[in-house]
Amino acid sequence: MEYLRGHTTITNREARALTHITGEQKMKGTLGRMVRRGLLEQVPGTHHGSTAYQVPANTTTAL
């Protein structure tokens, strides 16, 4: 989440580069849980290999 303080979006690849999670599917699950919890949302128009995530505009969660 700290990464998103200075960037508008994050991809699976970027998230894996920033963490110790090396598996693409494992990170996909992690990002999916964050979406379900309302911490992230998928950037409209992105999918499959180019899926990007952003902090929802109406979130009150502190980064």
PDB file of N, CA and C in Angstrom:
ATOM      1  N   MET A   1       0.826  -1.189   0.000  1.00  0.00           N
ATOM      2  CA  MET A   1       0.000   0.000   0.000  1.00  0.00           C
ATOM      3  C   MET A   1       0.870   1.253   0.000  1.00  0.00           C
ATOM      4  N   GLU A   2       2.024   1.161   0.608  1.00  0.00           N
ATOM      5  CA  GLU A   2       2.921   2.316   0.625  1.00  0.00           C
ATOM      6  C   GLU A   2       3.307   2.724  -0.797  1.00  0.00           C
ATOM      7  N   TYR A   3       3.509   1.753  -1.667  1.00  0.00           N
ATOM      8  CA  TYR A   3       3.862   2.014  -3.063  1.00  0.00           C
ATOM      9  C   TYR A   3       2.822   2.921  -3.718  1.00  0.00           C
ATOM     10  N   LEU A   4       1.554   2.726  -3.368  1.00  0.00           N
ATOM     11  CA  LEU A   4       0.479   3.495  -3.994  1.00  0.00           C
ATOM     12  C   LEU A   4       0.360   4.919  -3.458  1.00  0.00           C
ATOM     13  N   ARG A   5       1.176   5.275  -2.498  1.00  0.00           N
ATOM     14  CA  ARG A   5       1.225   6.682  -2.069  1.00  0.00           C
ATOM     15  C   ARG A   5       1.878   7.537  -3.145  1.00  0.00           C
ATOM     16  N   GLY A   6       2.819   6.960  -3.873  1.00  0.00           N
ATOM     17  CA  GLY A   6       3.539   7.712  -4.895  1.00  0.00           C
ATOM     18  C   GLY A   6       3.230   7.288  -6.315  1.00  0.00           C
ATOM     19  N   HIS A   7       2.366   6.284  -6.474  1.00  0.00           N
ATOM     20  CA  HIS A   7       2.004   5.774  -7.793  1.00  0.00           C
ATOM     21  C   HIS A   7       0.493   5.602  -7.844  1.00  0.00           C
ATOM     22  N   THR A   8      -0.082   5.779  -9.013  1.00  0.00           N
ATOM     23  CA  THR A   8      -1.539   5.675  -9.116  1.00  0.00           C
ATOM     24  C   THR A   8      -2.019   4.245  -9.268  1.00  0.00           C
ATOM     25  N   THR A   9      -1.189   3.362  -9.819  1.00  0.00           N
ATOM     26  CA  THR A   9      -1.594   1.976 -10.028  1.00  0.00           C
ATOM     27  C   THR A   9      -0.448   1.024  -9.699  1.00  0.00           C
ATOM     28  N   ILE A  10      -0.801  -0.255  -9.588  1.00  0.00           N
ATOM     29  CA  ILE A  10       0.194  -1.305  -9.392  1.00  0.00           C
ATOM     30  C   ILE A  10      -0.263  -2.544 -10.158  1.00  0.00           C
ATOM     31  N   THR A  11       0.675  -3.247 -10.748  1.00  0.00           N
ATOM     32  CA  THR A  11       0.383  -4.488 -11.462  1.00  0.00           C
ATOM     33  C   THR A  11       0.891  -5.669 -10.641  1.00  0.00           C
ATOM     34  N   ASN A  12       0.501  -6.849 -11.048  1.00  0.00           N
ATOM     35  CA  ASN A  12       0.970  -8.072 -10.403  1.00  0.00           C
ATOM     36  C   ASN A  12       2.492  -8.120 -10.442  1.00  0.00           C
ATOM     37  N   ARG A  13       3.067  -7.827 -11.577  1.00  0.00           N
ATOM     38  CA  ARG A  13       4.527  -7.866 -11.733  1.00  0.00           C
ATOM     39  C   ARG A  13       5.210  -6.875 -10.799  1.00  0.00           C
ATOM     40  N   GLU A  14       4.676  -5.656 -10.719  1.00  0.00           N
ATOM     41  CA  GLU A  14       5.262  -4.646  -9.829  1.00  0.00           C
ATOM     42  C   GLU A  14       5.145  -5.080  -8.369  1.00  0.00           C
ATOM     43  N   ALA A  15       3.996  -5.633  -8.007  1.00  0.00           N
ATOM     44  CA  ALA A  15       3.792  -6.076  -6.627  1.00  0.00           C
ATOM     45  C   ALA A  15       4.758  -7.202  -6.272  1.00  0.00           C
ATOM     46  N   ARG A  16       4.990  -8.131  -7.197  1.00  0.00           N
ATOM     47  CA  ARG A  16       5.935  -9.219  -6.944  1.00  0.00           C
ATOM     48  C   ARG A  16       7.353  -8.692  -6.800  1.00  0.00           C
ATOM     49  N   ALA A  17       7.700  -7.663  -7.555  1.00  0.00           N
ATOM     50  CA  ALA A  17       9.043  -7.080  -7.467  1.00  0.00           C
ATOM     51  C   ALA A  17       9.262  -6.387  -6.122  1.00  0.00           C
ATOM     52  N   LEU A  18       8.187  -5.929  -5.502  1.00  0.00           N
ATOM     53  CA  LEU A  18       8.282  -5.204  -4.232  1.00  0.00           C
ATOM     54  C   LEU A  18       8.170  -6.104  -3.005  1.00  0.00           C
ATOM     55  N   THR A  19       7.750  -7.347  -3.214  1.00  0.00           N
ATOM     56  CA  THR A  19       7.520  -8.257  -2.089  1.00  0.00           C
ATOM     57  C   THR A  19       8.357  -9.518  -2.253  1.00  0.00           C
ATOM     58  N   HIS A  20       8.221 -10.407  -1.314  1.00  0.00           N
ATOM     59  CA  HIS A  20       8.904 -11.701  -1.390  1.00  0.00           C
ATOM     60  C   HIS A  20       8.009 -12.751  -2.025  1.00  0.00           C
ATOM     61  N   ILE A  21       6.877 -12.345  -2.568  1.00  0.00           N
ATOM     62  CA  ILE A  21       5.972 -13.273  -3.248  1.00  0.00           C
ATOM     63  C   ILE A  21       6.436 -13.381  -4.696  1.00  0.00           C
ATOM     64  N   THR A  22       6.889 -14.557  -5.086  1.00  0.00           N
ATOM     65  CA  THR A  22       7.439 -14.719  -6.435  1.00  0.00           C
ATOM     66  C   THR A  22       6.451 -15.337  -7.411  1.00  0.00           C
ATOM     67  N   GLY A  23       5.452 -16.043  -6.915  1.00  0.00           N
ATOM     68  CA  GLY A  23       4.500 -16.706  -7.794  1.00  0.00           C
ATOM     69  C   GLY A  23       3.430 -15.759  -8.304  1.00  0.00           C
ATOM     70  N   GLU A  24       3.224 -15.775  -9.624  1.00  0.00           N
ATOM     71  CA  GLU A  24       2.221 -14.904 -10.236  1.00  0.00           C
ATOM     72  C   GLU A  24       0.821 -15.199  -9.696  1.00  0.00           C
ATOM     73  N   GLN A  25       0.463 -16.483  -9.593  1.00  0.00           N
ATOM     74  CA  GLN A  25      -0.867 -16.854  -9.105  1.00  0.00           C
ATOM     75  C   GLN A  25      -1.042 -16.515  -7.624  1.00  0.00           C
ATOM     76  N   LYS A  26       0.011 -16.679  -6.856  1.00  0.00           N
ATOM     77  CA  LYS A  26      -0.061 -16.343  -5.429  1.00  0.00           C
ATOM     78  C   LYS A  26      -0.312 -14.847  -5.249  1.00  0.00           C
ATOM     79  N   MET A  27       0.386 -14.015  -6.030  1.00  0.00           N
ATOM     80  CA  MET A  27       0.171 -12.570  -5.942  1.00  0.00           C
ATOM     81  C   MET A  27      -1.220 -12.219  -6.454  1.00  0.00           C
ATOM     82  N   LYS A  28      -1.679 -12.916  -7.476  1.00  0.00           N
ATOM     83  CA  LYS A  28      -3.026 -12.672  -7.989  1.00  0.00           C
ATOM     84  C   LYS A  28      -4.047 -12.900  -6.877  1.00  0.00           C
ATOM     85  N   GLY A  29      -3.849 -13.956  -6.089  1.00  0.00           N
ATOM     86  CA  GLY A  29      -4.735 -14.219  -4.962  1.00  0.00           C
ATOM     87  C   GLY A  29      -4.662 -13.129  -3.909  1.00  0.00           C
ATOM     88  N   THR A  30      -3.464 -12.661  -3.628  1.00  0.00           N
ATOM     89  CA  THR A  30      -3.270 -11.591  -2.645  1.00  0.00           C
ATOM     90  C   THR A  30      -3.967 -10.312  -3.106  1.00  0.00           C
ATOM     91  N   LEU A  31      -3.768  -9.947  -4.356  1.00  0.00           N
ATOM     92  CA  LEU A  31      -4.412  -8.744  -4.891  1.00  0.00           C
ATOM     93  C   LEU A  31      -5.931  -8.915  -4.911  1.00  0.00           C
ATOM     94  N   GLY A  32      -6.394 -10.116  -5.240  1.00  0.00           N
ATOM     95  CA  GLY A  32      -7.833 -10.395  -5.237  1.00  0.00           C
ATOM     96  C   GLY A  32      -8.446 -10.226  -3.852  1.00  0.00           C
ATOM     97  N   ARG A  33      -7.741 -10.694  -2.818  1.00  0.00           N
ATOM     98  CA  ARG A  33      -8.234 -10.505  -1.443  1.00  0.00           C
ATOM     99  C   ARG A  33      -8.302  -9.023  -1.093  1.00  0.00           C
ATOM    100  N   MET A  34      -7.333  -8.262  -1.548  1.00  0.00           N
ATOM    101  CA  MET A  34      -7.333  -6.820  -1.278  1.00  0.00           C
ATOM    102  C   MET A  34      -8.504  -6.142  -1.983  1.00  0.00           C
ATOM    103  N   VAL A  35      -8.848  -6.625  -3.171  1.00  0.00           N
ATOM    104  CA  VAL A  35     -10.015  -6.092  -3.888  1.00  0.00           C
ATOM    105  C   VAL A  35     -11.284  -6.418  -3.100  1.00  0.00           C
ATOM    106  N   ARG A  36     -11.429  -7.668  -2.663  1.00  0.00           N
ATOM    107  CA  ARG A  36     -12.629  -8.070  -1.914  1.00  0.00           C
ATOM    108  C   ARG A  36     -12.777  -7.301  -0.603  1.00  0.00           C
ATOM    109  N   ARG A  37     -11.673  -6.910  -0.009  1.00  0.00           N
ATOM    110  CA  ARG A  37     -11.706  -6.146   1.247  1.00  0.00           C
ATOM    111  C   ARG A  37     -11.892  -4.651   1.013  1.00  0.00           C
ATOM    112  N   GLY A  38     -11.927  -4.233  -0.245  1.00  0.00           N
ATOM    113  CA  GLY A  38     -12.142  -2.827  -0.560  1.00  0.00           C
ATOM    114  C   GLY A  38     -10.897  -1.969  -0.498  1.00  0.00           C
ATOM    115  N   LEU A  39      -9.720  -2.605  -0.379  1.00  0.00           N
ATOM    116  CA  LEU A  39      -8.475  -1.841  -0.319  1.00  0.00           C
ATOM    117  C   LEU A  39      -7.996  -1.424  -1.700  1.00  0.00           C
ATOM    118  N   LEU A  40      -8.327  -2.231  -2.706  1.00  0.00           N
ATOM    119  CA  LEU A  40      -7.949  -1.953  -4.091  1.00  0.00           C
ATOM    120  C   LEU A  40      -9.147  -2.194  -4.987  1.00  0.00           C
ATOM    121  N   GLU A  41      -9.067  -1.665  -6.198  1.00  0.00           N
ATOM    122  CA  GLU A  41     -10.034  -1.985  -7.241  1.00  0.00           C
ATOM    123  C   GLU A  41      -9.273  -2.149  -8.542  1.00  0.00           C
ATOM    124  N   GLN A  42      -9.829  -2.951  -9.443  1.00  0.00           N
ATOM    125  CA  GLN A  42      -9.189  -3.138 -10.739  1.00  0.00           C
ATOM    126  C   GLN A  42      -9.387  -1.883 -11.572  1.00  0.00           C
ATOM    127  N   VAL A  43      -8.330  -1.460 -12.243  1.00  0.00           N
ATOM    128  CA  VAL A  43      -8.417  -0.296 -13.120  1.00  0.00           C
ATOM    129  C   VAL A  43      -9.285  -0.687 -14.313  1.00  0.00           C
ATOM    130  N   PRO A  44     -10.344   0.068 -14.593  1.00  0.00           N
ATOM    131  CA  PRO A  44     -11.209  -0.259 -15.726  1.00  0.00           C
ATOM    132  C   PRO A  44     -10.417  -0.360 -17.031  1.00  0.00           C
ATOM    133  N   GLY A  45     -10.760  -1.361 -17.829  1.00  0.00           N
ATOM    134  CA  GLY A  45     -10.104  -1.535 -19.124  1.00  0.00           C
ATOM    135  C   GLY A  45      -8.836  -2.363 -19.067  1.00  0.00           C
ATOM    136  N   THR A  46      -8.408  -2.772 -17.877  1.00  0.00           N
ATOM    137  CA  THR A  46      -7.218  -3.620 -17.775  1.00  0.00           C
ATOM    138  C   THR A  46      -7.669  -5.038 -17.454  1.00  0.00           C
ATOM    139  N   HIS A  47      -6.991  -6.006 -18.050  1.00  0.00           N
ATOM    140  CA  HIS A  47      -7.333  -7.404 -17.795  1.00  0.00           C
ATOM    141  C   HIS A  47      -6.195  -8.302 -18.236  1.00  0.00           C
ATOM    142  N   HIS A  48      -6.267  -9.545 -17.831  1.00  0.00           N
ATOM    143  CA  HIS A  48      -5.283 -10.586 -18.150  1.00  0.00           C
ATOM    144  C   HIS A  48      -3.870 -10.109 -17.817  1.00  0.00           C
ATOM    145  N   GLY A  49      -2.969 -10.106 -18.751  1.00  0.00           N
ATOM    146  CA  GLY A  49      -1.575  -9.762 -18.495  1.00  0.00           C
ATOM    147  C   GLY A  49      -1.332  -8.305 -18.160  1.00  0.00           C
ATOM    148  N   SER A  50      -2.323  -7.459 -18.397  1.00  0.00           N
ATOM    149  CA  SER A  50      -2.125  -6.028 -18.138  1.00  0.00           C
ATOM    150  C   SER A  50      -2.980  -5.516 -16.981  1.00  0.00           C
ATOM    151  N   THR A  51      -3.530  -6.414 -16.173  1.00  0.00           N
ATOM    152  CA  THR A  51      -4.393  -5.989 -15.072  1.00  0.00           C
ATOM    153  C   THR A  51      -3.628  -5.070 -14.128  1.00  0.00           C
ATOM    154  N   ALA A  52      -4.235  -3.944 -13.832  1.00  0.00           N
ATOM    155  CA  ALA A  52      -3.655  -2.987 -12.891  1.00  0.00           C
ATOM    156  C   ALA A  52      -4.690  -2.712 -11.807  1.00  0.00           C
ATOM    157  N   TYR A  53      -4.199  -2.320 -10.659  1.00  0.00           N
ATOM    158  CA  TYR A  53      -5.057  -2.049  -9.512  1.00  0.00           C
ATOM    159  C   TYR A  53      -4.775  -0.647  -8.998  1.00  0.00           C
ATOM    160  N   GLN A  54      -5.794  -0.052  -8.386  1.00  0.00           N
ATOM    161  CA  GLN A  54      -5.663   1.283  -7.815  1.00  0.00           C
ATOM    162  C   GLN A  54      -6.444   1.332  -6.509  1.00  0.00           C
ATOM    163  N   VAL A  55      -6.153   2.329  -5.712  1.00  0.00           N
ATOM    164  CA  VAL A  55      -6.917   2.550  -4.488  1.00  0.00           C
ATOM    165  C   VAL A  55      -8.247   3.162  -4.907  1.00  0.00           C
ATOM    166  N   PRO A  56      -9.365   2.634  -4.409  1.00  0.00           N
ATOM    167  CA  PRO A  56     -10.662   3.214  -4.769  1.00  0.00           C
ATOM    168  C   PRO A  56     -10.726   4.695  -4.401  1.00  0.00           C
ATOM    169  N   ALA A  57     -11.328   5.480  -5.262  1.00  0.00           N
ATOM    170  CA  ALA A  57     -11.397   6.927  -5.056  1.00  0.00           C
ATOM    171  C   ALA A  57     -12.159   7.291  -3.788  1.00  0.00           C
ATOM    172  N   ASN A  58     -13.153   6.499  -3.427  1.00  0.00           N
ATOM    173  CA  ASN A  58     -13.988   6.838  -2.271  1.00  0.00           C
ATOM    174  C   ASN A  58     -13.533   6.160  -0.986  1.00  0.00           C
ATOM    175  N   THR A  59     -12.314   5.653  -0.970  1.00  0.00           N
ATOM    176  CA  THR A  59     -11.838   4.949   0.220  1.00  0.00           C
ATOM    177  C   THR A  59     -11.431   5.924   1.316  1.00  0.00           C
ATOM    178  N   THR A  60     -11.678   5.514   2.537  1.00  0.00           N
ATOM    179  CA  THR A  60     -11.241   6.312   3.683  1.00  0.00           C
ATOM    180  C   THR A  60     -10.124   5.585   4.420  1.00  0.00           C
ATOM    181  N   THR A  61      -9.676   4.470   3.847  1.00  0.00           N
ATOM    182  CA  THR A  61      -8.598   3.697   4.449  1.00  0.00           C
ATOM    183  C   THR A  61      -7.287   4.448   4.315  1.00  0.00           C
ATOM    184  N   ALA A  62      -6.602   4.615   5.412  1.00  0.00           N
ATOM    185  CA  ALA A  62      -5.300   5.286   5.375  1.00  0.00           C
ATOM    186  C   ALA A  62      -4.279   4.383   4.718  1.00  0.00           C
ATOM    187  N   LEU A  63      -3.518   4.938   3.802  1.00  0.00           N
ATOM    188  CA  LEU A  63      -2.444   4.181   3.173  1.00  0.00           C
ATOM    189  C   LEU A  63      -1.308   4.209   4.127  1.00  0.00           C
TER     190      LEU A  63
END
